[in-house]
Amino acid sequence: MKALVDRGGGSLDALELSDMPVPEPEDNEIRIKVVQAGLNHRDLFIPHRNKGNKEPVIPGSDGAGIVDACGGDVEAFQPGDEVIINPGLGWEENTPAPPDSFHLLGYPGHGTFAEYVTVPAAHVELKPPHLSWEEAGVLSLAALTAFRALFTKGRLQSSDTVFIPGAGSGTAGFLIPFAKKTGAEVFTSSRSKEKRRRALALGADAAVDSSGNWQDELEGRQADLIIDAVGAATFQKSMDLLKKGGRMVIFGSSTGDTVDFHLRSFFYGQYELIGSTMGSHEEFHQMLAFVSKHNIRPGLDSTVPLEQIKEALQRLEDGLQFGKISITVSEEV
């Protein structure tokens, strides 16, 4: 089978399309013919994490496709079923934090940038029928992360005002419609005028320039809940927008892992600072139900064939995308 392979070269340039053996499903696993896969920022980091490892690794976490074969003890699926993959493995029920066994598809094990992938049947669901293959292939990681951050950890209420820094990210493309379908007011930010325009078209009530004075642009309006994956670059400006007693959920740190903030102001303000990451399969099931009920579709930046995936990864690394990049791996049968 054709696959994108990392052999420890340490950079995106070292990734190569290669022929790999078709995997065999073990007990409680299914083999999926991948129709569409999706890019995530995580895929950019894998070559650095895998540097020096000569054993081939196939990256890719998101994917949707057709069940090709079932291992022993699999009763929920049969060949021909159209399915979507939950890439967060080993986290079945909703708990305050993932178990130690939790890991993501695509590293260190093989992922979805290949014609076939084997996945535990317990982490697969039928593809929502309202989603196209391109949409289903990019949904899981970002949508599940957004769902847990917004509802489980953020405890979103319809009366809340929510601020989401980084309008162009794949996760923001779910946070905005998820919050709006709940009835909340939504603010976001971006350096790009075009991304701000598209965020407003997605449903945001206001979109401010990341480099500007947010409080002035929002005319003093503040947020009950902030969902931040940007990190150091936006942390303090986000905190300054929080109402007294407000909640800030962090699930990423793309601009740096270390921040300074004023402790006395924090505890006098009675703020909550909450960590989040991915989600359980229980939440994945709830997220798909929410997406289906409200007919939510992921915003697509572009769709490219597997043969052009390195160019797509570079587009992601350069921050040029708005929404998700979908990778066509196989033709639907």
C-alpha atoms as a PDB file:
ATOM      1  CA  MET A   1       0.000   0.000   0.000  1.00  0.00           C
ATOM      2  CA  LYS A   2       1.118   3.591  -0.553  1.00  0.00           C
ATOM      3  CA  ALA A   3       1.850   5.599   2.571  1.00  0.00           C
ATOM      4  CA  LEU A   4       3.636   8.709   3.815  1.00  0.00           C
ATOM      5  CA  VAL A   5       6.552   7.419   5.878  1.00  0.00           C
ATOM      6  CA  ASP A   6       8.879   8.992   8.429  1.00  0.00           C
ATOM      7  CA  ARG A   7      12.179   7.148   8.835  1.00  0.00           C
ATOM      8  CA  GLY A   8      13.727   9.439  11.426  1.00  0.00           C
ATOM      9  CA  GLY A   9      15.055  12.136   9.117  1.00  0.00           C
ATOM     10  CA  GLY A  10      13.998  14.900  11.499  1.00  0.00           C
ATOM     11  CA  SER A  11      12.214  17.239   9.080  1.00  0.00           C
ATOM     12  CA  LEU A  12       9.212  17.521   6.802  1.00  0.00           C
ATOM     13  CA  ASP A  13      11.559  17.303   3.811  1.00  0.00           C
ATOM     14  CA  ALA A  14      12.646  13.835   4.930  1.00  0.00           C
ATOM     15  CA  LEU A  15       9.107  12.431   4.751  1.00  0.00           C
ATOM     16  CA  GLU A  16       8.601  10.191   1.733  1.00  0.00           C
ATOM     17  CA  LEU A  17       5.863   8.330  -0.077  1.00  0.00           C
ATOM     18  CA  SER A  18       6.676   4.661   0.125  1.00  0.00           C
ATOM     19  CA  ASP A  19       5.214   1.184  -0.277  1.00  0.00           C
ATOM     20  CA  MET A  20       4.305  -0.442   3.043  1.00  0.00           C
ATOM     21  CA  PRO A  21       2.736  -3.792   3.953  1.00  0.00           C
ATOM     22  CA  VAL A  22      -1.047  -3.841   4.350  1.00  0.00           C
ATOM     23  CA  PRO A  23      -1.698  -4.272   8.099  1.00  0.00           C
ATOM     24  CA  GLU A  24      -3.687  -7.226   9.424  1.00  0.00           C
ATOM     25  CA  PRO A  25      -6.357  -6.557  12.062  1.00  0.00           C
ATOM     26  CA  GLU A  26      -5.879  -8.320  15.377  1.00  0.00           C
ATOM     27  CA  ASP A  27      -8.667  -9.305  17.765  1.00  0.00           C
ATOM     28  CA  ASN A  28     -11.028  -6.382  18.474  1.00  0.00           C
ATOM     29  CA  GLU A  29      -9.550  -4.376  15.595  1.00  0.00           C
ATOM     30  CA  ILE A  30     -10.839  -3.418  12.179  1.00  0.00           C
ATOM     31  CA  ARG A  31      -8.916  -2.559   9.044  1.00  0.00           C
ATOM     32  CA  ILE A  32     -10.118   0.577   7.303  1.00  0.00           C
ATOM     33  CA  LYS A  33      -9.499   1.601   3.727  1.00  0.00           C
ATOM     34  CA  VAL A  34      -8.764   5.279   4.260  1.00  0.00           C
ATOM     35  CA  VAL A  35     -10.695   7.513   1.851  1.00  0.00           C
ATOM     36  CA  GLN A  36      -9.817  10.891   3.398  1.00  0.00           C
ATOM     37  CA  ALA A  37      -7.367  11.923   6.101  1.00  0.00           C
ATOM     38  CA  GLY A  38      -6.880  15.284   7.797  1.00  0.00           C
ATOM     39  CA  LEU A  39      -3.867  17.368   8.775  1.00  0.00           C
ATOM     40  CA  ASN A  40      -3.256  18.601  12.316  1.00  0.00           C
ATOM     41  CA  HIS A  41      -0.445  20.648  13.842  1.00  0.00           C
ATOM     42  CA  ARG A  42       0.598  17.472  15.627  1.00  0.00           C
ATOM     43  CA  ASP A  43       1.710  16.084  12.265  1.00  0.00           C
ATOM     44  CA  LEU A  44       4.269  18.874  11.984  1.00  0.00           C
ATOM     45  CA  PHE A  45       5.967  17.825  15.234  1.00  0.00           C
ATOM     46  CA  ILE A  46       6.276  14.097  14.521  1.00  0.00           C
ATOM     47  CA  PRO A  47       9.429  14.317  12.346  1.00  0.00           C
ATOM     48  CA  HIS A  48      11.223  16.101  15.205  1.00  0.00           C
ATOM     49  CA  ARG A  49       9.985  13.657  17.853  1.00  0.00           C
ATOM     50  CA  ASN A  50      10.912  10.694  15.670  1.00  0.00           C
ATOM     51  CA  LYS A  51      14.371  11.979  14.680  1.00  0.00           C
ATOM     52  CA  GLY A  52      16.961   9.236  14.530  1.00  0.00           C
ATOM     53  CA  ASN A  53      14.468   6.375  14.633  1.00  0.00           C
ATOM     54  CA  LYS A  54      15.062   4.160  11.594  1.00  0.00           C
ATOM     55  CA  GLU A  55      11.867   2.186  12.087  1.00  0.00           C
ATOM     56  CA  PRO A  56       9.258   3.552   9.652  1.00  0.00           C
ATOM     57  CA  VAL A  57       6.331   5.459  11.111  1.00  0.00           C
ATOM     58  CA  ILE A  58       3.214   6.463   9.185  1.00  0.00           C
ATOM     59  CA  PRO A  59       1.859   9.749  10.640  1.00  0.00           C
ATOM     60  CA  GLY A  60      -1.755  10.882  10.542  1.00  0.00           C
ATOM     61  CA  SER A  61      -4.427  10.962  13.228  1.00  0.00           C
ATOM     62  CA  ASP A  62      -7.652  12.001  11.516  1.00  0.00           C
ATOM     63  CA  GLY A  63      -9.345   9.800   8.960  1.00  0.00           C
ATOM     64  CA  ALA A  64     -12.543   8.335   7.564  1.00  0.00           C
ATOM     65  CA  GLY A  65     -13.032   5.376   5.290  1.00  0.00           C
ATOM     66  CA  ILE A  66     -14.601   2.007   4.612  1.00  0.00           C
ATOM     67  CA  VAL A  67     -14.266  -1.089   6.778  1.00  0.00           C
ATOM     68  CA  ASP A  68     -12.182  -3.566   4.800  1.00  0.00           C
ATOM     69  CA  ALA A  69     -11.712  -6.433   7.280  1.00  0.00           C
ATOM     70  CA  CYS A  70     -12.564  -7.270  10.896  1.00  0.00           C
ATOM     71  CA  GLY A  71     -10.464  -9.095  13.451  1.00  0.00           C
ATOM     72  CA  GLY A  72     -11.798 -11.580  15.955  1.00  0.00           C
ATOM     73  CA  ASP A  73     -14.552 -10.592  18.392  1.00  0.00           C
ATOM     74  CA  VAL A  74     -15.657  -7.588  16.321  1.00  0.00           C
ATOM     75  CA  GLU A  75     -19.450  -7.523  16.098  1.00  0.00           C
ATOM     76  CA  ALA A  76     -20.298  -3.813  15.763  1.00  0.00           C
ATOM     77  CA  PHE A  77     -18.950  -3.428  12.209  1.00  0.00           C
ATOM     78  CA  GLN A  78     -18.773  -5.354   8.986  1.00  0.00           C
ATOM     79  CA  PRO A  79     -16.907  -4.879   5.694  1.00  0.00           C
ATOM     80  CA  GLY A  80     -18.420  -2.060   3.666  1.00  0.00           C
ATOM     81  CA  ASP A  81     -19.420   0.130   6.623  1.00  0.00           C
ATOM     82  CA  GLU A  82     -18.545   3.813   6.229  1.00  0.00           C
ATOM     83  CA  VAL A  83     -16.778   4.920   9.387  1.00  0.00           C
ATOM     84  CA  ILE A  84     -14.966   7.771  11.111  1.00  0.00           C
ATOM     85  CA  ILE A  85     -11.975   7.239  13.401  1.00  0.00           C
ATOM     86  CA  ASN A  86     -11.519   8.605  16.910  1.00  0.00           C
ATOM     87  CA  PRO A  87      -7.706   9.001  17.025  1.00  0.00           C
ATOM     88  CA  GLY A  88      -7.559   9.239  20.828  1.00  0.00           C
ATOM     89  CA  LEU A  89      -6.918   5.626  21.822  1.00  0.00           C
ATOM     90  CA  GLY A  90      -7.233   4.093  25.275  1.00  0.00           C
ATOM     91  CA  TRP A  91      -9.674   6.619  26.790  1.00  0.00           C
ATOM     92  CA  GLU A  92     -13.128   5.085  26.862  1.00  0.00           C
ATOM     93  CA  GLU A  93     -15.233   6.869  29.493  1.00  0.00           C
ATOM     94  CA  ASN A  94     -15.259  10.554  30.393  1.00  0.00           C
ATOM     95  CA  THR A  95     -12.890  11.131  33.331  1.00  0.00           C
ATOM     96  CA  PRO A  96     -11.228  14.294  34.741  1.00  0.00           C
ATOM     97  CA  ALA A  97      -8.014  13.403  32.902  1.00  0.00           C
ATOM     98  CA  PRO A  98      -7.004  10.703  30.407  1.00  0.00           C
ATOM     99  CA  PRO A  99      -5.606   7.394  31.704  1.00  0.00           C
ATOM    100  CA  ASP A 100      -1.898   6.676  31.443  1.00  0.00           C
ATOM    101  CA  SER A 101      -2.617   4.335  28.526  1.00  0.00           C
ATOM    102  CA  PHE A 102      -4.017   7.187  26.413  1.00  0.00           C
ATOM    103  CA  HIS A 103      -2.204   7.853  23.127  1.00  0.00           C
ATOM    104  CA  LEU A 104      -2.939   9.193  19.670  1.00  0.00           C
ATOM    105  CA  LEU A 105      -3.088   7.361  16.387  1.00  0.00           C
ATOM    106  CA  GLY A 106      -0.190   8.218  14.079  1.00  0.00           C
ATOM    107  CA  TYR A 107       2.718   8.176  16.518  1.00  0.00           C
ATOM    108  CA  PRO A 108       4.326   6.075  17.800  1.00  0.00           C
ATOM    109  CA  GLY A 109       2.043   3.614  15.970  1.00  0.00           C
ATOM    110  CA  HIS A 110       1.056   3.894  12.314  1.00  0.00           C
ATOM    111  CA  GLY A 111      -1.634   6.370  11.349  1.00  0.00           C
ATOM    112  CA  THR A 112      -3.966   7.449   8.578  1.00  0.00           C
ATOM    113  CA  PHE A 113      -1.627   8.772   5.873  1.00  0.00           C
ATOM    114  CA  ALA A 114      -1.835   5.378   4.195  1.00  0.00           C
ATOM    115  CA  GLU A 115      -4.284   3.399   2.103  1.00  0.00           C
ATOM    116  CA  TYR A 116      -5.095   1.135   5.060  1.00  0.00           C
ATOM    117  CA  VAL A 117      -4.965   1.491   8.838  1.00  0.00           C
ATOM    118  CA  THR A 118      -5.954  -0.843  11.671  1.00  0.00           C
ATOM    119  CA  VAL A 119      -7.821   0.681  14.618  1.00  0.00           C
ATOM    120  CA  PRO A 120      -9.485  -0.741  17.752  1.00  0.00           C
ATOM    121  CA  ALA A 121     -13.167  -1.178  16.926  1.00  0.00           C
ATOM    122  CA  ALA A 122     -14.017   0.572  20.212  1.00  0.00           C
ATOM    123  CA  HIS A 123     -12.633   3.820  18.755  1.00  0.00           C
ATOM    124  CA  VAL A 124     -14.608   3.871  15.530  1.00  0.00           C
ATOM    125  CA  GLU A 125     -18.106   5.190  14.788  1.00  0.00           C
ATOM    126  CA  LEU A 126     -20.298   5.185  11.708  1.00  0.00           C
ATOM    127  CA  LYS A 127     -19.720   8.241   9.536  1.00  0.00           C
ATOM    128  CA  PRO A 128     -22.426  10.884  10.052  1.00  0.00           C
ATOM    129  CA  PRO A 129     -24.386  10.778   6.792  1.00  0.00           C
ATOM    130  CA  HIS A 130     -24.574  14.556   6.394  1.00  0.00           C
ATOM    131  CA  LEU A 131     -20.781  14.806   6.151  1.00  0.00           C
ATOM    132  CA  SER A 132     -18.899  14.387   2.897  1.00  0.00           C
ATOM    133  CA  TRP A 133     -15.794  12.198   2.901  1.00  0.00           C
ATOM    134  CA  GLU A 134     -13.623  15.327   2.881  1.00  0.00           C
ATOM    135  CA  GLU A 135     -15.456  16.693   5.920  1.00  0.00           C
ATOM    136  CA  ALA A 136     -15.495  13.423   7.848  1.00  0.00           C
ATOM    137  CA  GLY A 137     -11.792  12.893   7.248  1.00  0.00           C
ATOM    138  CA  VAL A 138     -10.792  16.109   9.033  1.00  0.00           C
ATOM    139  CA  LEU A 139     -13.344  16.203  11.830  1.00  0.00           C
ATOM    140  CA  SER A 140     -12.261  14.049  14.742  1.00  0.00           C
ATOM    141  CA  LEU A 141      -9.232  15.480  16.529  1.00  0.00           C
ATOM    142  CA  ALA A 142     -10.135  19.164  16.347  1.00  0.00           C
ATOM    143  CA  ALA A 143     -13.867  18.668  16.924  1.00  0.00           C
ATOM    144  CA  LEU A 144     -13.359  16.381  19.929  1.00  0.00           C
ATOM    145  CA  THR A 145     -10.790  18.773  21.417  1.00  0.00           C
ATOM    146  CA  ALA A 146     -13.213  21.678  20.932  1.00  0.00           C
ATOM    147  CA  PHE A 147     -16.151  19.759  22.392  1.00  0.00           C
ATOM    148  CA  ARG A 148     -14.362  18.785  25.614  1.00  0.00           C
ATOM    149  CA  ALA A 149     -12.760  22.214  26.076  1.00  0.00           C
ATOM    150  CA  LEU A 150     -16.040  24.046  25.516  1.00  0.00           C
ATOM    151  CA  PHE A 151     -18.596  21.820  27.241  1.00  0.00           C
ATOM    152  CA  THR A 152     -16.903  19.369  29.627  1.00  0.00           C
ATOM    153  CA  LYS A 153     -14.161  21.644  30.921  1.00  0.00           C
ATOM    154  CA  GLY A 154     -15.508  25.092  30.018  1.00  0.00           C
ATOM    155  CA  ARG A 155     -19.073  24.362  31.188  1.00  0.00           C
ATOM    156  CA  LEU A 156     -20.473  26.588  28.449  1.00  0.00           C
ATOM    157  CA  GLN A 157     -23.861  28.172  29.082  1.00  0.00           C
ATOM    158  CA  SER A 158     -26.119  29.773  26.479  1.00  0.00           C
ATOM    159  CA  SER A 159     -25.833  33.087  28.341  1.00  0.00           C
ATOM    160  CA  ASP A 160     -22.013  33.110  28.147  1.00  0.00           C
ATOM    161  CA  THR A 161     -19.753  35.326  26.102  1.00  0.00           C
ATOM    162  CA  VAL A 162     -16.857  33.271  24.728  1.00  0.00           C
ATOM    163  CA  PHE A 163     -13.511  34.512  23.409  1.00  0.00           C
ATOM    164  CA  ILE A 164     -11.465  32.270  21.080  1.00  0.00           C
ATOM    165  CA  PRO A 165      -8.003  33.559  20.068  1.00  0.00           C
ATOM    166  CA  GLY A 166      -6.705  32.348  16.707  1.00  0.00           C
ATOM    167  CA  ALA A 167      -9.652  32.388  14.303  1.00  0.00           C
ATOM    168  CA  GLY A 168      -7.886  30.450  11.556  1.00  0.00           C
ATOM    169  CA  SER A 169      -7.111  27.295  13.501  1.00  0.00           C
ATOM    170  CA  GLY A 170      -8.868  24.031  12.775  1.00  0.00           C
ATOM    171  CA  THR A 171     -10.188  23.854  16.320  1.00  0.00           C
ATOM    172  CA  ALA A 172     -11.576  27.408  16.170  1.00  0.00           C
ATOM    173  CA  GLY A 173     -13.544  26.261  13.137  1.00  0.00           C
ATOM    174  CA  PHE A 174     -15.492  24.010  15.529  1.00  0.00           C
ATOM    175  CA  LEU A 175     -15.427  26.166  18.665  1.00  0.00           C
ATOM    176  CA  ILE A 176     -17.211  29.029  16.918  1.00  0.00           C
ATOM    177  CA  PRO A 177     -20.193  27.053  15.540  1.00  0.00           C
ATOM    178  CA  PHE A 178     -20.402  24.825  18.640  1.00  0.00           C
ATOM    179  CA  ALA A 179     -20.709  27.898  20.871  1.00  0.00           C
ATOM    180  CA  LYS A 180     -23.113  29.692  18.519  1.00  0.00           C
ATOM    181  CA  LYS A 181     -25.414  26.664  18.259  1.00  0.00           C
ATOM    182  CA  THR A 182     -25.590  26.756  22.066  1.00  0.00           C
ATOM    183  CA  GLY A 183     -26.695  30.388  21.978  1.00  0.00           C
ATOM    184  CA  ALA A 184     -23.495  31.996  23.282  1.00  0.00           C
ATOM    185  CA  GLU A 185     -21.955  35.240  22.059  1.00  0.00           C
ATOM    186  CA  VAL A 186     -18.572  34.606  20.400  1.00  0.00           C
ATOM    187  CA  PHE A 187     -15.523  36.819  19.909  1.00  0.00           C
ATOM    188  CA  THR A 188     -12.328  35.766  18.143  1.00  0.00           C
ATOM    189  CA  SER A 189      -9.042  37.216  16.880  1.00  0.00           C
ATOM    190  CA  SER A 190      -6.560  36.924  14.022  1.00  0.00           C
ATOM    191  CA  ARG A 191      -3.701  38.898  12.513  1.00  0.00           C
ATOM    192  CA  SER A 192      -5.245  38.302   9.088  1.00  0.00           C
ATOM    193  CA  LYS A 193      -8.062  40.558   7.895  1.00  0.00           C
ATOM    194  CA  GLU A 194      -9.258  37.768   5.597  1.00  0.00           C
ATOM    195  CA  LYS A 195      -9.367  35.250   8.466  1.00  0.00           C
ATOM    196  CA  ARG A 196     -11.329  37.726  10.574  1.00  0.00           C
ATOM    197  CA  ARG A 197     -13.790  38.144   7.724  1.00  0.00           C
ATOM    198  CA  ARG A 198     -14.200  34.391   7.381  1.00  0.00           C
ATOM    199  CA  ALA A 199     -14.638  33.976  11.141  1.00  0.00           C
ATOM    200  CA  LEU A 200     -17.530  36.439  11.018  1.00  0.00           C
ATOM    201  CA  ALA A 201     -19.018  34.464   8.135  1.00  0.00           C
ATOM    202  CA  LEU A 202     -18.694  31.337  10.290  1.00  0.00           C
ATOM    203  CA  GLY A 203     -20.862  32.996  12.936  1.00  0.00           C
ATOM    204  CA  ALA A 204     -18.532  34.945  15.238  1.00  0.00           C
ATOM    205  CA  ASP A 205     -20.123  38.118  16.641  1.00  0.00           C
ATOM    206  CA  ALA A 206     -16.829  40.032  16.606  1.00  0.00           C
ATOM    207  CA  ALA A 207     -13.321  39.407  15.244  1.00  0.00           C
ATOM    208  CA  VAL A 208     -10.443  41.606  16.420  1.00  0.00           C
ATOM    209  CA  ASP A 209      -6.896  42.129  15.184  1.00  0.00           C
ATOM    210  CA  SER A 210      -4.510  39.972  17.242  1.00  0.00           C
ATOM    211  CA  SER A 211      -1.949  42.763  17.300  1.00  0.00           C
ATOM    212  CA  GLY A 212      -4.412  45.450  18.373  1.00  0.00           C
ATOM    213  CA  ASN A 213      -5.913  46.501  21.695  1.00  0.00           C
ATOM    214  CA  TRP A 214      -8.622  43.910  22.222  1.00  0.00           C
ATOM    215  CA  GLN A 215     -10.371  45.789  24.995  1.00  0.00           C
ATOM    216  CA  ASP A 216     -10.691  48.890  22.838  1.00  0.00           C
ATOM    217  CA  GLU A 217     -11.872  46.937  19.777  1.00  0.00           C
ATOM    218  CA  LEU A 218     -14.457  45.087  21.858  1.00  0.00           C
ATOM    219  CA  GLU A 219     -15.538  48.365  23.496  1.00  0.00           C
ATOM    220  CA  GLY A 220     -14.970  47.069  26.990  1.00  0.00           C
ATOM    221  CA  ARG A 221     -16.977  43.871  26.546  1.00  0.00           C
ATOM    222  CA  GLN A 222     -15.561  40.936  28.509  1.00  0.00           C
ATOM    223  CA  ALA A 223     -15.775  37.149  28.352  1.00  0.00           C
ATOM    224  CA  ASP A 224     -17.220  34.593  30.735  1.00  0.00           C
ATOM    225  CA  LEU A 225     -15.159  31.866  29.052  1.00  0.00           C
ATOM    226  CA  ILE A 226     -11.930  31.911  27.059  1.00  0.00           C
ATOM    227  CA  ILE A 227     -10.706  28.900  25.056  1.00  0.00           C
ATOM    228  CA  ASP A 228      -7.020  29.410  24.219  1.00  0.00           C
ATOM    229  CA  ALA A 229      -4.642  27.184  22.258  1.00  0.00           C
ATOM    230  CA  VAL A 230      -2.202  29.921  21.219  1.00  0.00           C
ATOM    231  CA  GLY A 231      -0.223  30.064  24.450  1.00  0.00           C
ATOM    232  CA  ALA A 232       2.316  32.660  25.498  1.00  0.00           C
ATOM    233  CA  ALA A 233       1.517  35.171  22.735  1.00  0.00           C
ATOM    234  CA  THR A 234      -2.086  35.639  23.838  1.00  0.00           C
ATOM    235  CA  PHE A 235      -2.216  34.461  27.445  1.00  0.00           C
ATOM    236  CA  GLN A 236      -2.136  37.808  29.268  1.00  0.00           C
ATOM    237  CA  LYS A 237      -4.278  39.630  26.713  1.00  0.00           C
ATOM    238  CA  SER A 238      -6.819  36.831  27.052  1.00  0.00           C
ATOM    239  CA  MET A 239      -6.722  37.019  30.845  1.00  0.00           C
ATOM    240  CA  ASP A 240      -7.353  40.764  30.659  1.00  0.00           C
ATOM    241  CA  LEU A 241     -10.637  40.068  28.830  1.00  0.00           C
ATOM    242  CA  LEU A 242     -12.004  37.732  31.500  1.00  0.00           C
ATOM    243  CA  LYS A 243     -14.846  38.839  33.720  1.00  0.00           C
ATOM    244  CA  LYS A 244     -14.308  38.448  37.466  1.00  0.00           C
ATOM    245  CA  GLY A 245     -14.946  34.779  38.243  1.00  0.00           C
ATOM    246  CA  GLY A 246     -14.439  33.811  34.583  1.00  0.00           C
ATOM    247  CA  ARG A 247     -13.037  30.564  33.205  1.00  0.00           C
ATOM    248  CA  MET A 248     -10.064  30.096  30.896  1.00  0.00           C
ATOM    249  CA  VAL A 249      -9.470  26.719  29.247  1.00  0.00           C
ATOM    250  CA  ILE A 250      -6.087  26.007  27.666  1.00  0.00           C
ATOM    251  CA  PHE A 251      -5.519  23.056  25.340  1.00  0.00           C
ATOM    252  CA  GLY A 252      -2.445  24.146  23.390  1.00  0.00           C
ATOM    253  CA  SER A 253       0.670  26.277  23.441  1.00  0.00           C
ATOM    254  CA  SER A 254       1.679  26.883  19.837  1.00  0.00           C
ATOM    255  CA  THR A 255       3.570  30.101  20.705  1.00  0.00           C
ATOM    256  CA  GLY A 256       5.346  28.859  23.820  1.00  0.00           C
ATOM    257  CA  ASP A 257       4.875  26.733  26.921  1.00  0.00           C
ATOM    258  CA  THR A 258       5.915  29.289  29.568  1.00  0.00           C
ATOM    259  CA  VAL A 259       3.932  32.346  30.687  1.00  0.00           C
ATOM    260  CA  ASP A 260       4.095  34.873  33.522  1.00  0.00           C
ATOM    261  CA  PHE A 261       0.994  36.252  35.150  1.00  0.00           C
ATOM    262  CA  HIS A 262       0.152  38.264  38.223  1.00  0.00           C
ATOM    263  CA  LEU A 263      -0.944  35.887  40.987  1.00  0.00           C
ATOM    264  CA  ARG A 264      -2.563  38.487  43.215  1.00  0.00           C
ATOM    265  CA  SER A 265      -4.757  39.774  40.399  1.00  0.00           C
ATOM    266  CA  PHE A 266      -5.606  36.166  39.565  1.00  0.00           C
ATOM    267  CA  PHE A 267      -6.835  35.098  42.962  1.00  0.00           C
ATOM    268  CA  TYR A 268      -8.543  38.408  43.703  1.00  0.00           C
ATOM    269  CA  GLY A 269     -10.381  38.002  40.415  1.00  0.00           C
ATOM    270  CA  GLN A 270     -11.552  34.518  41.444  1.00  0.00           C
ATOM    271  CA  TYR A 271     -10.587  33.211  38.016  1.00  0.00           C
ATOM    272  CA  GLU A 272     -10.455  29.548  36.966  1.00  0.00           C
ATOM    273  CA  LEU A 273      -7.554  28.279  34.831  1.00  0.00           C
ATOM    274  CA  ILE A 274      -8.374  24.862  33.357  1.00  0.00           C
ATOM    275  CA  GLY A 275      -6.304  22.450  31.295  1.00  0.00           C
ATOM    276  CA  SER A 276      -7.816  20.246  28.609  1.00  0.00           C
ATOM    277  CA  THR A 277      -6.692  17.916  25.856  1.00  0.00           C
ATOM    278  CA  MET A 278      -8.542  15.761  23.331  1.00  0.00           C
ATOM    279  CA  GLY A 279     -11.410  13.794  24.960  1.00  0.00           C
ATOM    280  CA  SER A 280     -12.819  10.380  25.771  1.00  0.00           C
ATOM    281  CA  HIS A 281     -14.696   8.136  23.359  1.00  0.00           C
ATOM    282  CA  GLU A 282     -17.826   8.848  25.371  1.00  0.00           C
ATOM    283  CA  GLU A 283     -17.371  12.540  24.485  1.00  0.00           C
ATOM    284  CA  PHE A 284     -16.545  11.610  20.893  1.00  0.00           C
ATOM    285  CA  HIS A 285     -19.926   9.897  20.629  1.00  0.00           C
ATOM    286  CA  GLN A 286     -21.633  12.952  22.190  1.00  0.00           C
ATOM    287  CA  MET A 287     -19.756  15.277  19.834  1.00  0.00           C
ATOM    288  CA  LEU A 288     -20.891  13.350  16.743  1.00  0.00           C
ATOM    289  CA  ALA A 289     -24.486  13.494  18.003  1.00  0.00           C
ATOM    290  CA  PHE A 290     -24.170  17.278  18.487  1.00  0.00           C
ATOM    291  CA  VAL A 291     -22.638  17.710  15.025  1.00  0.00           C
ATOM    292  CA  SER A 292     -25.424  15.652  13.444  1.00  0.00           C
ATOM    293  CA  LYS A 293     -28.233  17.379  15.379  1.00  0.00           C
ATOM    294  CA  HIS A 294     -27.060  20.844  14.341  1.00  0.00           C
ATOM    295  CA  ASN A 295     -25.859  19.875  10.852  1.00  0.00           C
ATOM    296  CA  ILE A 296     -22.381  21.233  11.604  1.00  0.00           C
ATOM    297  CA  ARG A 297     -19.749  20.832   8.908  1.00  0.00           C
ATOM    298  CA  PRO A 298     -16.026  21.510   9.285  1.00  0.00           C
ATOM    299  CA  GLY A 299     -14.681  24.417   7.307  1.00  0.00           C
ATOM    300  CA  LEU A 300     -12.304  23.149   4.611  1.00  0.00           C
ATOM    301  CA  ASP A 301      -9.268  25.134   3.571  1.00  0.00           C
ATOM    302  CA  SER A 302      -8.354  22.787   0.729  1.00  0.00           C
ATOM    303  CA  THR A 303      -8.331  19.174  -0.435  1.00  0.00           C
ATOM    304  CA  VAL A 304      -5.171  17.656  -1.921  1.00  0.00           C
ATOM    305  CA  PRO A 305      -4.078  14.151  -2.977  1.00  0.00           C
ATOM    306  CA  LEU A 306      -1.712  12.139  -0.797  1.00  0.00           C
ATOM    307  CA  GLU A 307       1.015  12.772  -3.369  1.00  0.00           C
ATOM    308  CA  GLN A 308       0.919  16.498  -2.461  1.00  0.00           C
ATOM    309  CA  ILE A 309       0.789  16.085   1.300  1.00  0.00           C
ATOM    310  CA  LYS A 310       4.233  17.609   1.920  1.00  0.00           C
ATOM    311  CA  GLU A 311       3.135  20.844   0.251  1.00  0.00           C
ATOM    312  CA  ALA A 312      -0.019  20.776   2.385  1.00  0.00           C
ATOM    313  CA  LEU A 313       2.034  20.282   5.554  1.00  0.00           C
ATOM    314  CA  GLN A 314       4.154  23.282   4.582  1.00  0.00           C
ATOM    315  CA  ARG A 315       1.000  25.366   4.119  1.00  0.00           C
ATOM    316  CA  LEU A 316      -0.060  24.351   7.606  1.00  0.00           C
ATOM    317  CA  GLU A 317       3.345  25.161   9.073  1.00  0.00           C
ATOM    318  CA  ASP A 318       3.294  28.604   7.415  1.00  0.00           C
ATOM    319  CA  GLY A 319      -0.132  29.314   8.943  1.00  0.00           C
ATOM    320  CA  LEU A 320      -1.741  30.063   5.582  1.00  0.00           C
ATOM    321  CA  GLN A 321      -4.778  27.824   6.068  1.00  0.00           C
ATOM    322  CA  PHE A 322      -8.221  28.771   7.278  1.00  0.00           C
ATOM    323  CA  GLY A 323      -9.974  25.635   8.426  1.00  0.00           C
ATOM    324  CA  LYS A 324      -8.911  22.064   7.800  1.00  0.00           C
ATOM    325  CA  ILE A 325      -6.781  20.556   5.039  1.00  0.00           C
ATOM    326  CA  SER A 326      -8.193  17.275   3.743  1.00  0.00           C
ATOM    327  CA  ILE A 327      -5.993  14.606   2.123  1.00  0.00           C
ATOM    328  CA  THR A 328      -7.445  12.280  -0.480  1.00  0.00           C
ATOM    329  CA  VAL A 329      -5.867   8.874   0.128  1.00  0.00           C
ATOM    330  CA  SER A 330      -8.118   6.498  -1.810  1.00  0.00           C
ATOM    331  CA  GLU A 331     -11.078   6.719  -4.115  1.00  0.00           C
ATOM    332  CA  GLU A 332     -14.431   5.764  -2.606  1.00  0.00           C
ATOM    333  CA  VAL A 333     -15.560   2.319  -3.752  1.00  0.00           C
END
